[in-house]
Each structure stands twice: as structure tokens, then as C-alpha cells.
Amino acid sequence: MAQGMLDGKVALITGGAQGIGYAIAERFAREKARVAIADIDDDEGEAAEKELRRLSSARYWRCNVANKLDVHNLVAQTIDEFGAIDILVNNAGILATGEFLEIAEEDFDRVLAVNLKGAFLCGQAVARHMVERVGQGARPGTIINMSSVNAVFAIANQVPYSVSKGGINQLTKVMALSLAPHGIRVNAIGPGSIMTRILQSVASDEEATRRILSRTPLGRIGEPAEIAGVAAFLASDDASYITGQTIYADGGRLPLNYTVPVGN
């Protein structure tokens, strides 16, 4: 059997039941990692586990990453099942749309709790486990946070989402600095427009699609598998000297300071 770039590793992916999270879990499984996925959608999670088991050892557990006890149980279950956690992908995230003057406090709190506090709670819990293992002679692990191009520029009706992703970039840096003495690497991925279920509903609108493509120099919407490829690289030994960085996979959107013409 061919060896994968993550052979023998154990990976935990939050928000792993669908979209980018599932694509990462699938890529990691193809690279011979054993994978644990966490989500709050049991139907999707159990279906994802079934598919992932065709490729590697896999388990699904329900977890609200904004709840500290849930996170504690998730980490404990993963370690009990697989013996360790070598890779954490903090992918769980939600949206709440609303202009700044109208967005409700409850929506702001809910998005920040999942997108930012959830990454902090999961990152801290898994990092403590990784540090302990390093002290016992194990190889250092790695953590990947899911950021966004919205961490750099803002969309007026995505207030808490943009704020949470800006926070993820800073969280990535402070985690990387804190964990560097233990050899543990922490990086983030900042996707642009990726064809997830949320975007599929938008992409069915011709005008909305033209608007997305007008700000994307490569002229197409990205696929979840392309983000998974970046995650596999960051989780592998090929990225052994990279830490504290956010890698943007956005089709050229961030460097653009004007819109590009879109063909008919």
C-alpha cells in the first residue's frame, strides 16, 4: 500500500461533516491519516463517517465548539479512540448576516462564540495534549485554523463573521509564538470564494456569480478540495518551517485593487 504524506497521523477536524471541513477530512484520509470529525449535525456527521471509513479509520462525534465541556469530551474521545492527536483543524464556523446598524447582539455573540472562541477552546485543549506528548518524546503536532479573506477586508453585512476571522489571524499568531518552544506549528488558511453549499445558493444567481468573478482574477470559483490541498501541505513535514502564517487561497482576490472584466 502506498504511503501517504500523513501516514500514521491522527487528525481532528471541527465542522468536518460537510463543505471545506469534509474535504479536508477526506484528503487527510487519502493521505493515510486516521480522522476524527466533529459537528453539530448528526445526520451529516454519521454519513461523513461512513464515507471516510472507506478510506481510513474515522469517527464522528457531536460537539458544540463554543462549549468548553463539549470540547473537553471531544478531545478525550479522540485520544481514547486513536491514542493521540497530531493534527487539529479548527474549521467550525457560522454566519449571521446583518448590517452594522441592525445586527443583533445575540447574533454577534453566537458567531464569535463558534468561530473565534471555539478555535481558542479547541486549540488550547489540543495544544495542552500536544505539549504533554512532546515532553514524553513524541514528535510535535500542528494546528490549522480556518480564516478567510474577510479577515483582511470587510463585507458590510457580515459584521461578526469578518470580526471573527480577523481575530483568527491574531489567534494564529499568538498560538504560534506560544507553542514554538515546543516545536508545535500553528498556521491558518484564508479561503476566498469556495463552492460550498452556502455559495452554491448564491452561484445560482447569474448576477451574483458575475459579481464574484469580477473580483477573482483567476476567473473561477474555488473548490473545497483546493483548500484541503493547502491543509494537507500545512499538516505535512513539507511545511516544517512554516508557523504563524495565514495562507490565502483566493484566486488572486486579495492583491486586486479593481474589478476585472468578466466574459459573457
Protein backbone atom coordinates (compact mmCIF):
# COMPACT_ATOMS: atom_id res chain seq x y z
CA MET A 1 0.00 0.00 0.00
CA ALA A 2 1.36 3.41 -0.99
CA GLN A 3 2.41 5.63 1.87
CA GLY A 4 0.56 8.93 2.30
CA MET A 5 2.07 12.21 3.37
CA LEU A 6 0.16 11.97 6.69
CA ASP A 7 0.63 8.24 7.24
CA GLY A 8 0.18 7.28 10.89
CA LYS A 9 -1.07 10.71 11.97
CA VAL A 10 -4.31 11.35 13.83
CA ALA A 11 -6.27 14.40 12.69
CA LEU A 12 -9.22 16.11 14.39
CA ILE A 13 -11.32 18.37 12.16
CA THR A 14 -14.12 20.50 13.60
CA GLY A 15 -17.02 21.35 11.33
CA GLY A 16 -15.99 18.26 9.40
CA ALA A 17 -19.37 16.90 8.31
CA GLN A 18 -19.61 18.89 5.07
CA GLY A 19 -18.04 21.57 2.89
CA ILE A 20 -14.42 22.53 3.40
CA GLY A 21 -14.20 20.56 6.65
CA TYR A 22 -15.29 17.34 5.00
CA ALA A 23 -12.98 17.96 2.02
CA ILE A 24 -10.06 18.30 4.45
CA ALA A 25 -11.07 15.15 6.31
CA GLU A 26 -11.32 13.25 3.03
CA ARG A 27 -7.92 14.48 1.81
CA PHE A 28 -6.30 13.61 5.14
CA ALA A 29 -7.86 10.13 5.00
CA ARG A 30 -6.48 9.68 1.46
CA GLU A 31 -3.08 10.67 2.84
CA LYS A 32 -3.45 7.76 5.32
CA ALA A 33 -4.28 9.80 8.42
CA ARG A 34 -6.84 8.49 10.88
CA VAL A 35 -9.51 11.14 11.17
CA ALA A 36 -11.98 12.32 13.77
CA ILE A 37 -14.62 14.83 12.72
CA ALA A 38 -16.79 16.97 14.96
CA ASP A 39 -20.00 18.77 14.07
CA ILE A 40 -23.49 19.51 15.42
CA ASP A 41 -25.36 17.88 12.51
CA ASP A 42 -25.59 14.21 13.47
CA ASP A 43 -27.10 13.07 10.19
CA GLU A 44 -24.36 14.72 8.15
CA GLY A 45 -21.70 13.63 10.61
CA GLU A 46 -22.69 9.98 10.61
CA ALA A 47 -22.92 9.95 6.80
CA ALA A 48 -19.48 11.57 6.59
CA GLU A 49 -18.01 8.98 8.96
CA LYS A 50 -19.39 6.18 6.80
CA GLU A 51 -17.80 7.64 3.66
CA LEU A 52 -14.48 8.37 5.35
CA ARG A 53 -14.23 4.81 6.62
CA ARG A 54 -13.90 3.69 3.01
CA LEU A 55 -10.52 5.42 3.05
CA SER A 56 -9.20 5.18 6.61
CA SER A 57 -10.14 4.84 10.26
CA ALA A 58 -12.68 7.54 11.05
CA ARG A 59 -15.08 8.62 13.80
CA TYR A 60 -17.70 11.31 14.16
CA TRP A 61 -18.56 13.00 17.43
CA ARG A 62 -21.11 15.69 18.15
CA CYS A 63 -19.53 18.82 19.58
CA ASN A 64 -20.51 22.45 20.04
CA VAL A 65 -17.05 24.02 19.92
CA ALA A 66 -18.31 27.08 21.83
CA ASN A 67 -18.94 24.85 24.87
CA LYS A 68 -15.86 24.03 26.97
CA LEU A 69 -17.25 20.74 28.28
CA ASP A 70 -18.12 19.60 24.76
CA VAL A 71 -14.57 20.39 23.66
CA HIS A 72 -13.09 18.55 26.63
CA ASN A 73 -15.16 15.48 25.80
CA LEU A 74 -14.28 15.69 22.09
CA VAL A 75 -10.56 15.74 22.79
CA ALA A 76 -10.85 12.94 25.35
CA GLN A 77 -12.91 10.76 22.99
CA THR A 78 -10.45 11.27 20.14
CA ILE A 79 -7.47 10.36 22.31
CA ASP A 80 -9.30 7.33 23.74
CA GLU A 81 -10.16 6.14 20.22
CA PHE A 82 -6.89 6.85 18.41
CA GLY A 83 -4.31 7.28 21.16
CA ALA A 84 -3.25 10.82 20.30
CA ILE A 85 -3.99 13.94 18.26
CA ASP A 86 -1.25 15.01 15.84
CA ILE A 87 -3.23 17.49 13.75
CA LEU A 88 -6.07 19.83 14.69
CA VAL A 89 -8.06 21.74 12.09
CA ASN A 90 -10.27 24.44 13.62
CA ASN A 91 -12.78 24.66 10.79
CA ALA A 92 -16.16 25.01 12.54
CA GLY A 93 -17.79 28.31 11.64
CA ILE A 94 -21.14 30.01 11.16
CA LEU A 95 -22.54 33.18 9.57
CA ALA A 96 -25.04 35.78 10.70
CA THR A 97 -25.87 38.36 8.06
CA GLY A 98 -26.83 41.87 9.00
CA GLU A 99 -25.73 45.47 8.54
CA PHE A 100 -23.75 47.07 11.38
CA LEU A 101 -26.65 49.29 12.48
CA GLU A 102 -29.08 46.36 12.59
CA ILE A 103 -27.11 43.27 13.64
CA ALA A 104 -28.41 41.82 16.90
CA GLU A 105 -26.16 41.38 19.91
CA GLU A 106 -27.22 37.74 20.11
CA ASP A 107 -26.06 37.09 16.53
CA PHE A 108 -22.75 38.83 17.17
CA ASP A 109 -22.16 36.75 20.31
CA ARG A 110 -23.18 33.50 18.60
CA VAL A 111 -20.79 33.91 15.66
CA LEU A 112 -17.86 34.99 17.83
CA ALA A 113 -18.51 32.10 20.21
CA VAL A 114 -18.28 29.47 17.48
CA ASN A 115 -15.78 31.00 15.07
CA LEU A 116 -13.28 32.54 17.49
CA LYS A 117 -13.87 31.23 21.00
CA GLY A 118 -14.36 27.73 19.57
CA ALA A 119 -10.95 27.85 17.89
CA PHE A 120 -9.43 29.09 21.16
CA LEU A 121 -11.04 26.34 23.24
CA CYS A 122 -10.18 23.53 20.82
CA GLY A 123 -6.72 24.91 20.20
CA GLN A 124 -5.92 25.23 23.88
CA ALA A 125 -7.23 21.76 24.78
CA VAL A 126 -5.40 20.02 21.95
CA ALA A 127 -2.22 22.06 22.42
CA ARG A 128 -2.02 21.01 26.07
CA HIS A 129 -2.19 17.39 24.92
CA MET A 130 0.45 18.01 22.26
CA VAL A 131 2.81 19.71 24.72
CA GLU A 132 2.46 16.79 27.11
CA ARG A 133 3.29 14.33 24.33
CA VAL A 134 6.34 16.35 23.28
CA GLY A 135 7.53 16.13 26.87
CA GLN A 136 7.23 12.36 26.59
CA GLY A 137 9.37 12.28 23.45
CA ALA A 138 6.68 12.39 20.75
CA ARG A 139 7.05 14.50 17.61
CA PRO A 140 5.36 17.91 17.81
CA GLY A 141 1.91 18.25 16.31
CA THR A 142 0.42 21.02 14.21
CA ILE A 143 -2.71 23.19 14.34
CA ILE A 144 -4.50 24.77 11.38
CA ASN A 145 -7.11 27.49 11.88
CA MET A 146 -9.65 28.44 9.23
CA SER A 147 -9.50 32.14 8.46
CA SER A 148 -10.89 33.96 5.40
CA VAL A 149 -10.14 36.79 3.02
CA ASN A 150 -12.72 38.58 5.20
CA ALA A 151 -10.05 38.78 7.88
CA VAL A 152 -8.34 41.41 5.72
CA PHE A 153 -11.18 43.23 4.02
CA ALA A 154 -14.72 43.60 5.29
CA ILE A 155 -18.18 42.97 3.90
CA ALA A 156 -20.65 45.41 5.42
CA ASN A 157 -23.44 42.89 6.03
CA GLN A 158 -21.14 40.22 7.53
CA VAL A 159 -20.11 42.06 10.67
CA PRO A 160 -19.46 39.30 13.22
CA TYR A 161 -18.01 36.93 10.60
CA SER A 162 -15.43 39.49 9.45
CA VAL A 163 -14.55 40.37 13.04
CA SER A 164 -14.20 36.69 13.98
CA LYS A 165 -11.85 35.95 11.08
CA GLY A 166 -9.68 38.95 11.88
CA GLY A 167 -9.48 37.50 15.37
CA ILE A 168 -8.49 34.11 13.97
CA ASN A 169 -5.46 35.66 12.27
CA GLN A 170 -4.29 37.15 15.56
CA LEU A 171 -5.11 33.98 17.48
CA THR A 172 -2.99 32.05 14.98
CA LYS A 173 -0.03 34.33 15.61
CA VAL A 174 -0.20 34.22 19.40
CA MET A 175 -0.71 30.44 19.38
CA ALA A 176 2.27 30.02 17.06
CA LEU A 177 4.52 32.15 19.27
CA SER A 178 3.40 30.42 22.46
CA LEU A 179 3.81 26.91 21.07
CA ALA A 180 7.01 27.42 19.06
CA PRO A 181 9.27 26.46 22.01
CA HIS A 182 7.55 23.06 21.95
CA GLY A 183 8.03 22.67 18.19
CA ILE A 184 4.26 22.85 17.58
CA ARG A 185 3.37 24.77 14.42
CA VAL A 186 0.20 26.87 14.06
CA ASN A 187 -0.97 28.32 10.75
CA ALA A 188 -4.21 29.46 9.15
CA ILE A 189 -5.85 29.19 5.74
CA GLY A 190 -7.80 32.12 4.30
CA PRO A 191 -10.16 30.90 1.55
CA GLY A 192 -11.74 33.22 -0.97
CA SER A 193 -14.95 32.26 -2.80
CA ILE A 194 -15.24 28.47 -2.48
CA MET A 195 -18.10 26.36 -3.86
CA THR A 196 -19.65 25.24 -0.60
CA ARG A 197 -23.40 24.83 -0.06
CA ILE A 198 -23.70 28.43 1.06
CA LEU A 199 -22.09 29.70 -2.12
CA GLN A 200 -23.97 27.25 -4.35
CA SER A 201 -27.20 29.02 -3.47
CA VAL A 202 -25.62 32.34 -4.43
CA ALA A 203 -23.97 30.97 -7.56
CA SER A 204 -27.34 30.00 -9.00
CA ASP A 205 -27.94 33.75 -9.44
CA GLU A 206 -26.23 34.90 -12.66
CA GLU A 207 -25.67 38.45 -11.46
CA ALA A 208 -24.25 37.24 -8.13
CA THR A 209 -21.88 34.90 -9.98
CA ARG A 210 -20.67 37.75 -12.21
CA ARG A 211 -20.05 39.86 -9.12
CA ILE A 212 -17.96 37.09 -7.53
CA LEU A 213 -15.96 36.52 -10.72
CA SER A 214 -15.40 40.25 -11.24
CA ARG A 215 -13.26 40.26 -8.11
CA THR A 216 -11.48 36.95 -8.81
CA PRO A 217 -8.54 37.28 -11.25
CA LEU A 218 -8.34 33.53 -11.88
CA GLY A 219 -11.89 33.78 -13.23
CA ARG A 220 -13.50 30.89 -11.38
CA ILE A 221 -14.86 29.87 -8.00
CA GLY A 222 -12.58 27.62 -5.96
CA GLU A 223 -13.35 24.07 -4.87
CA PRO A 224 -13.23 22.71 -1.30
CA ALA A 225 -10.61 20.18 -2.43
CA GLU A 226 -8.27 23.08 -3.23
CA ILE A 227 -8.44 24.27 0.37
CA ALA A 228 -7.93 20.68 1.51
CA GLY A 229 -4.73 20.58 -0.52
CA VAL A 230 -3.36 23.59 1.35
CA ALA A 231 -4.34 21.97 4.66
CA ALA A 232 -2.58 18.72 3.74
CA PHE A 233 0.58 20.67 2.92
CA LEU A 234 0.49 22.66 6.17
CA ALA A 235 -0.09 19.46 8.16
CA SER A 236 2.81 17.67 6.48
CA ASP A 237 6.55 17.71 7.07
CA ASP A 238 6.90 19.72 3.85
CA ALA A 239 5.73 22.74 5.89
CA SER A 240 8.08 22.04 8.81
CA TYR A 241 9.49 25.59 8.91
CA ILE A 242 6.18 27.44 8.47
CA THR A 243 4.38 28.77 11.54
CA GLY A 244 2.33 31.83 12.45
CA GLN A 245 1.24 32.37 8.84
CA THR A 246 -2.09 32.73 7.08
CA ILE A 247 -2.06 31.22 3.60
CA TYR A 248 -4.66 32.80 1.32
CA ALA A 249 -6.21 30.61 -1.38
CA ASP A 250 -8.45 33.16 -3.08
CA GLY A 251 -7.86 33.09 -6.84
CA GLY A 252 -5.93 36.35 -6.61
CA ARG A 253 -8.64 38.34 -4.88
CA LEU A 254 -6.57 39.99 -2.15
CA PRO A 255 -3.97 41.56 -4.46
CA LEU A 256 -6.73 43.06 -6.63
CA ASN A 257 -7.48 46.77 -6.27
CA TYR A 258 -10.04 46.91 -9.09
CA THR A 259 -12.55 44.58 -10.69
CA VAL A 260 -11.69 42.53 -13.74
CA PRO A 261 -13.90 42.20 -16.83
CA VAL A 262 -15.98 39.04 -16.98
CA GLY A 263 -16.69 37.35 -20.31
CA ASN A 264 -20.26 36.58 -21.37
